[in-house]
Amino acid sequence: MQSLQTPTTATNTAILPNTPRDLRVALASGETLGINRPFLDIQKDLYRKVPDSYYQFKSKGNTQIIFLPWELLSCCMDYIVPGWEKSITLNQIGERVTAECTVTIHSSDGSFKRTATGSDTLLDEGYGGPVVDAESQAFRRALANFGFCSYLWDKDIANALIKRIKG
């Protein structure tokens, strides 16, 4: 009888190249994990570990935040799931901008969508501005709904990663 559980070593093994630079070189040479794969295989790959060199950090108040920039997330998706799609819908509600992001993954089993939202105040003068921040927030959340980097939403895991990587 086949076990329904994935071995823990499977999700701990990185499938992406070691550095963001290596990822971009691989993509430029046409290297990907392939198209028209079963959705279960794609989802298993999306749950796998991301190399430590991909993470970036920022501070919000006294809190350290670990994340992957949206443009690197796009490259990761191009490598893992070539042909994926993203659509963004923007709205303004009072002093806030909201973004709804839908990510579509095409597999040999059909197309699968996940949607998430993000928002920011229009008064935000931080890097990227409120629209970019709301879009990237929604994009990260939509990918997390597929399992990609979903562990970063667990504070204990995120803090342990920050401690391990930054020392």
Foldseek 3Di string as FASTA:
>chain_A
DDDPDDPPVLQADQPAPQALVVLVVCVVVVAAPDEQADLVVLLSNLQHDDHLNQWDWDDDPPDIAIDGFQVSVVSNCCRSANPKDKDWDWDDDVQKIKIKIKIWGQHNVGIDIFIFMFMDGQPDPDPPGGVSRRVRVRVVVRSVVSNHVVCSVVVVSVVVSCVVSVD
